Amino acid sequence: MHSAVYPGSFDPITKGHLDILRRSLKLFDHVTVAIGVNMRKKGWLPPALRSSLIQGVLLTEDLSSQVSIRVFDGLTVDLCNEVGASVIIRGLRTVSDFDGEFVLGMNNMRLDEKIETIFMLPRSEHHFTSSSSFREIYSRDPERAKGLVPRIVFKNIEAMVVKNSGEPGF
């Protein structure tokens, strides 16, 4: 069985993330979506909520048998070894993403030469889709942010905002 780890913040998961995930399943039997937690950064959504939203997407897209979700705060290569994955999947949206991803890939190679990093390009309609762009647009005009995330994610975020009287309050 060939498996891979797809790490990221997924804060929240976007249609761009989902595009990379779907296409990676053509290459791998199993993919672990690894929600990275950086204790020095406060995320927009708590990790457990990100995981729950991703699980909802997986069920809606009928991908839950091929994908697992893990929240982690360590080194990605250690998680790969833990789950038996030999590949790290990284998405590249723009040329400027390459510099940082190249450094991460080289560091991961130095840490564990048995683990490869592959870069995947999103479809053109997702080149400028990111969690941070969703959050920025959503904070100013939620309706215009709707197309950046899977429908179930948007509905859940909207429900939480309504529940909290217009404030995200996650």
C-alpha atoms as a PDB file:
ATOM      1  CA  MET A   1       0.000   0.000   0.000  1.00  0.00           C
ATOM      2  CA  HIS A   2       1.371   3.378  -0.980  1.00  0.00           C
ATOM      3  CA  SER A   3       0.475   6.161   1.389  1.00  0.00           C
ATOM      4  CA  ALA A   4       1.288   9.828   1.752  1.00  0.00           C
ATOM      5  CA  VAL A   5       0.912  12.634   4.249  1.00  0.00           C
ATOM      6  CA  TYR A   6      -0.647  15.935   3.181  1.00  0.00           C
ATOM      7  CA  PRO A   7       0.307  18.466   5.887  1.00  0.00           C
ATOM      8  CA  GLY A   8      -1.045  21.975   6.298  1.00  0.00           C
ATOM      9  CA  SER A   9      -2.960  24.269   8.584  1.00  0.00           C
ATOM     10  CA  PHE A  10      -6.304  23.674   6.819  1.00  0.00           C
ATOM     11  CA  ASP A  11      -7.639  26.722   8.695  1.00  0.00           C
ATOM     12  CA  PRO A  12     -10.170  26.081   7.105  1.00  0.00           C
ATOM     13  CA  ILE A  13      -9.874  23.487   4.343  1.00  0.00           C
ATOM     14  CA  THR A  14     -10.437  25.153   0.955  1.00  0.00           C
ATOM     15  CA  LYS A  15     -11.475  23.941  -2.470  1.00  0.00           C
ATOM     16  CA  GLY A  16      -7.800  24.204  -3.419  1.00  0.00           C
ATOM     17  CA  HIS A  17      -6.849  21.781  -0.639  1.00  0.00           C
ATOM     18  CA  LEU A  18      -9.640  19.449  -1.739  1.00  0.00           C
ATOM     19  CA  ASP A  19      -8.420  19.595  -5.350  1.00  0.00           C
ATOM     20  CA  ILE A  20      -4.910  18.521  -4.306  1.00  0.00           C
ATOM     21  CA  LEU A  21      -6.327  15.812  -2.022  1.00  0.00           C
ATOM     22  CA  ARG A  22      -8.607  14.331  -4.701  1.00  0.00           C
ATOM     23  CA  ARG A  23      -5.812  14.269  -7.261  1.00  0.00           C
ATOM     24  CA  SER A  24      -3.306  12.789  -4.791  1.00  0.00           C
ATOM     25  CA  LEU A  25      -5.670   9.848  -4.329  1.00  0.00           C
ATOM     26  CA  LYS A  26      -5.001   8.950  -7.979  1.00  0.00           C
ATOM     27  CA  LEU A  27      -1.365   8.425  -6.980  1.00  0.00           C
ATOM     28  CA  PHE A  28      -1.694   6.942  -3.483  1.00  0.00           C
ATOM     29  CA  ASP A  29      -3.923   4.317  -1.896  1.00  0.00           C
ATOM     30  CA  HIS A  30      -4.210   6.322   1.303  1.00  0.00           C
ATOM     31  CA  VAL A  31      -3.540   9.914   2.319  1.00  0.00           C
ATOM     32  CA  THR A  32      -3.281  11.247   5.853  1.00  0.00           C
ATOM     33  CA  VAL A  33      -4.397  14.867   6.093  1.00  0.00           C
ATOM     34  CA  ALA A  34      -2.103  16.223   8.785  1.00  0.00           C
ATOM     35  CA  ILE A  35      -3.374  19.332  10.535  1.00  0.00           C
ATOM     36  CA  GLY A  36      -0.270  21.067  11.784  1.00  0.00           C
ATOM     37  CA  VAL A  37      -0.501  22.899  15.073  1.00  0.00           C
ATOM     38  CA  ASN A  38       2.053  25.578  15.840  1.00  0.00           C
ATOM     39  CA  MET A  39       1.808  26.476  19.527  1.00  0.00           C
ATOM     40  CA  ARG A  40       3.333  29.899  18.780  1.00  0.00           C
ATOM     41  CA  LYS A  41       0.463  30.770  16.440  1.00  0.00           C
ATOM     42  CA  LYS A  42      -3.185  31.088  17.303  1.00  0.00           C
ATOM     43  CA  GLY A  43      -5.266  29.574  14.533  1.00  0.00           C
ATOM     44  CA  TRP A  44      -8.597  30.961  13.350  1.00  0.00           C
ATOM     45  CA  LEU A  45     -10.358  27.651  14.017  1.00  0.00           C
ATOM     46  CA  PRO A  46      -9.358  25.270  16.804  1.00  0.00           C
ATOM     47  CA  PRO A  47      -7.634  22.104  15.506  1.00  0.00           C
ATOM     48  CA  ALA A  48     -10.508  19.852  16.620  1.00  0.00           C
ATOM     49  CA  LEU A  49     -12.956  21.963  14.617  1.00  0.00           C
ATOM     50  CA  ARG A  50     -10.696  21.890  11.551  1.00  0.00           C
ATOM     51  CA  SER A  51     -10.588  18.109  11.870  1.00  0.00           C
ATOM     52  CA  SER A  52     -14.377  17.920  12.173  1.00  0.00           C
ATOM     53  CA  LEU A  53     -14.876  20.121   9.100  1.00  0.00           C
ATOM     54  CA  ILE A  54     -12.451  18.000   7.079  1.00  0.00           C
ATOM     55  CA  GLN A  55     -14.255  14.848   8.201  1.00  0.00           C
ATOM     56  CA  GLY A  56     -17.522  16.362   6.970  1.00  0.00           C
ATOM     57  CA  VAL A  57     -15.926  17.101   3.594  1.00  0.00           C
ATOM     58  CA  LEU A  58     -14.554  13.560   3.363  1.00  0.00           C
ATOM     59  CA  LEU A  59     -17.981  12.078   4.058  1.00  0.00           C
ATOM     60  CA  THR A  60     -19.674  14.412   1.564  1.00  0.00           C
ATOM     61  CA  GLU A  61     -17.077  13.599  -1.107  1.00  0.00           C
ATOM     62  CA  ASP A  62     -17.088   9.854  -0.310  1.00  0.00           C
ATOM     63  CA  LEU A  63     -13.372   9.914   0.487  1.00  0.00           C
ATOM     64  CA  SER A  64     -13.399   8.823   4.126  1.00  0.00           C
ATOM     65  CA  SER A  65     -12.243   5.266   3.350  1.00  0.00           C
ATOM     66  CA  GLN A  66      -9.088   6.542   1.609  1.00  0.00           C
ATOM     67  CA  VAL A  67      -8.214   9.458   3.874  1.00  0.00           C
ATOM     68  CA  SER A  68      -7.478   9.770   7.567  1.00  0.00           C
ATOM     69  CA  ILE A  69      -7.006  12.940   9.594  1.00  0.00           C
ATOM     70  CA  ARG A  70      -4.375  13.622  12.219  1.00  0.00           C
ATOM     71  CA  VAL A  71      -3.669  16.687  14.318  1.00  0.00           C
ATOM     72  CA  PHE A  72       0.054  16.933  15.027  1.00  0.00           C
ATOM     73  CA  ASP A  73       2.589  19.351  16.429  1.00  0.00           C
ATOM     74  CA  GLY A  74       5.853  17.624  15.598  1.00  0.00           C
ATOM     75  CA  LEU A  75       7.997  17.007  12.555  1.00  0.00           C
ATOM     76  CA  THR A  76       6.186  15.862   9.432  1.00  0.00           C
ATOM     77  CA  VAL A  77       8.786  13.149   8.761  1.00  0.00           C
ATOM     78  CA  ASP A  78       8.091  11.684  12.215  1.00  0.00           C
ATOM     79  CA  LEU A  79       4.372  11.583  11.433  1.00  0.00           C
ATOM     80  CA  CYS A  80       5.167   9.900   8.098  1.00  0.00           C
ATOM     81  CA  ASN A  81       7.081   7.166   9.915  1.00  0.00           C
ATOM     82  CA  GLU A  82       4.296   6.803  12.465  1.00  0.00           C
ATOM     83  CA  VAL A  83       1.586   6.283   9.821  1.00  0.00           C
ATOM     84  CA  GLY A  84       3.771   4.347   7.359  1.00  0.00           C
ATOM     85  CA  ALA A  85       3.862   7.005   4.641  1.00  0.00           C
ATOM     86  CA  SER A  86       6.850   7.457   2.351  1.00  0.00           C
ATOM     87  CA  VAL A  87       5.748  10.689   0.668  1.00  0.00           C
ATOM     88  CA  ILE A  88       4.874  14.222   1.777  1.00  0.00           C
ATOM     89  CA  ILE A  89       2.479  16.087  -0.520  1.00  0.00           C
ATOM     90  CA  ARG A  90       2.794  19.849  -0.772  1.00  0.00           C
ATOM     91  CA  GLY A  91       0.711  22.187  -2.894  1.00  0.00           C
ATOM     92  CA  LEU A  92       2.296  25.037  -4.841  1.00  0.00           C
ATOM     93  CA  ARG A  93      -0.089  27.813  -5.839  1.00  0.00           C
ATOM     94  CA  THR A  94       2.348  30.438  -7.021  1.00  0.00           C
ATOM     95  CA  VAL A  95       6.032  30.791  -7.795  1.00  0.00           C
ATOM     96  CA  SER A  96       6.532  32.600  -4.478  1.00  0.00           C
ATOM     97  CA  ASP A  97       5.352  29.454  -2.628  1.00  0.00           C
ATOM     98  CA  PHE A  98       8.266  27.516  -4.092  1.00  0.00           C
ATOM     99  CA  ASP A  99      11.050  29.125  -2.023  1.00  0.00           C
ATOM    100  CA  GLY A 100       9.559  28.206   1.338  1.00  0.00           C
ATOM    101  CA  GLU A 101       8.430  24.768   0.178  1.00  0.00           C
ATOM    102  CA  PHE A 102      11.863  24.045  -1.283  1.00  0.00           C
ATOM    103  CA  VAL A 103      13.507  24.763   2.086  1.00  0.00           C
ATOM    104  CA  LEU A 104      10.966  22.566   3.905  1.00  0.00           C
ATOM    105  CA  GLY A 105      11.489  19.773   1.387  1.00  0.00           C
ATOM    106  CA  MET A 106      15.266  19.933   1.718  1.00  0.00           C
ATOM    107  CA  ASN A 107      15.049  19.921   5.520  1.00  0.00           C
ATOM    108  CA  ASN A 108      12.715  16.924   5.442  1.00  0.00           C
ATOM    109  CA  MET A 109      15.120  15.123   3.100  1.00  0.00           C
ATOM    110  CA  ARG A 110      17.960  15.842   5.520  1.00  0.00           C
ATOM    111  CA  LEU A 111      15.888  14.548   8.446  1.00  0.00           C
ATOM    112  CA  ASP A 112      14.825  11.323   6.714  1.00  0.00           C
ATOM    113  CA  GLU A 113      16.160  10.448   3.280  1.00  0.00           C
ATOM    114  CA  LYS A 114      13.595   7.643   2.859  1.00  0.00           C
ATOM    115  CA  ILE A 115      10.745  10.153   2.686  1.00  0.00           C
ATOM    116  CA  GLU A 116      10.154  12.015  -0.572  1.00  0.00           C
ATOM    117  CA  THR A 117       8.375  15.333  -1.029  1.00  0.00           C
ATOM    118  CA  ILE A 118       6.225  15.881  -4.095  1.00  0.00           C
ATOM    119  CA  PHE A 119       4.791  19.200  -5.177  1.00  0.00           C
ATOM    120  CA  MET A 120       1.376  19.375  -6.787  1.00  0.00           C
ATOM    121  CA  LEU A 121      -0.102  22.321  -8.621  1.00  0.00           C
ATOM    122  CA  PRO A 122      -3.762  23.143  -8.083  1.00  0.00           C
ATOM    123  CA  ARG A 123      -6.110  23.566 -10.993  1.00  0.00           C
ATOM    124  CA  SER A 124      -6.035  27.124 -12.336  1.00  0.00           C
ATOM    125  CA  GLU A 125      -9.285  28.124 -10.631  1.00  0.00           C
ATOM    126  CA  HIS A 126      -7.604  27.463  -7.259  1.00  0.00           C
ATOM    127  CA  HIS A 127      -4.247  29.211  -7.799  1.00  0.00           C
ATOM    128  CA  PHE A 128      -5.190  32.070  -5.507  1.00  0.00           C
ATOM    129  CA  THR A 129      -7.362  30.128  -3.080  1.00  0.00           C
ATOM    130  CA  SER A 130      -5.904  29.892   0.408  1.00  0.00           C
ATOM    131  CA  SER A 131      -7.210  29.631   3.936  1.00  0.00           C
ATOM    132  CA  SER A 132      -5.902  33.118   4.695  1.00  0.00           C
ATOM    133  CA  SER A 133      -7.623  34.621   1.624  1.00  0.00           C
ATOM    134  CA  PHE A 134     -10.876  32.937   2.667  1.00  0.00           C
ATOM    135  CA  ARG A 135     -10.573  34.350   6.208  1.00  0.00           C
ATOM    136  CA  GLU A 136      -9.797  37.842   4.926  1.00  0.00           C
ATOM    137  CA  ILE A 137     -12.680  37.923   2.454  1.00  0.00           C
ATOM    138  CA  TYR A 138     -15.058  36.239   4.916  1.00  0.00           C
ATOM    139  CA  SER A 139     -14.332  38.866   7.572  1.00  0.00           C
ATOM    140  CA  ARG A 140     -15.450  41.624   5.200  1.00  0.00           C
ATOM    141  CA  ASP A 141     -18.081  39.978   2.992  1.00  0.00           C
ATOM    142  CA  PRO A 142     -18.992  36.378   3.876  1.00  0.00           C
ATOM    143  CA  GLU A 143     -21.164  35.870   0.807  1.00  0.00           C
ATOM    144  CA  ARG A 144     -18.240  36.582  -1.534  1.00  0.00           C
ATOM    145  CA  ALA A 145     -16.058  34.041   0.304  1.00  0.00           C
ATOM    146  CA  LYS A 146     -18.565  31.241  -0.212  1.00  0.00           C
ATOM    147  CA  GLY A 147     -16.938  29.808  -3.360  1.00  0.00           C
ATOM    148  CA  LEU A 148     -13.505  29.330  -1.777  1.00  0.00           C
ATOM    149  CA  VAL A 149     -14.395  26.484   0.578  1.00  0.00           C
ATOM    150  CA  PRO A 150     -16.503  23.333   0.231  1.00  0.00           C
ATOM    151  CA  ARG A 151     -20.211  23.981   0.807  1.00  0.00           C
ATOM    152  CA  ILE A 152     -20.343  21.964   4.052  1.00  0.00           C
ATOM    153  CA  VAL A 153     -17.452  24.008   5.481  1.00  0.00           C
ATOM    154  CA  PHE A 154     -19.125  27.312   4.650  1.00  0.00           C
ATOM    155  CA  LYS A 155     -22.467  26.169   6.128  1.00  0.00           C
ATOM    156  CA  ASN A 156     -20.800  25.083   9.360  1.00  0.00           C
ATOM    157  CA  ILE A 157     -18.836  28.312   9.705  1.00  0.00           C
ATOM    158  CA  GLU A 158     -21.976  30.351   9.007  1.00  0.00           C
ATOM    159  CA  ALA A 159     -23.910  28.370  11.641  1.00  0.00           C
ATOM    160  CA  MET A 160     -21.199  29.061  14.223  1.00  0.00           C
ATOM    161  CA  VAL A 161     -21.179  32.776  13.422  1.00  0.00           C
ATOM    162  CA  VAL A 162     -24.967  32.990  13.753  1.00  0.00           C
ATOM    163  CA  LYS A 163     -24.809  31.047  17.015  1.00  0.00           C
ATOM    164  CA  ASN A 164     -22.261  33.547  18.337  1.00  0.00           C
ATOM    165  CA  SER A 165     -24.267  36.646  17.370  1.00  0.00           C
ATOM    166  CA  GLY A 166     -22.211  37.606  14.342  1.00  0.00           C
ATOM    167  CA  GLU A 167     -18.834  37.038  15.955  1.00  0.00           C
ATOM    168  CA  PRO A 168     -16.788  34.041  14.858  1.00  0.00           C
ATOM    169  CA  GLY A 169     -16.111  33.075  18.502  1.00  0.00           C
ATOM    170  CA  PHE A 170     -14.698  29.703  17.569  1.00  0.00           C
END
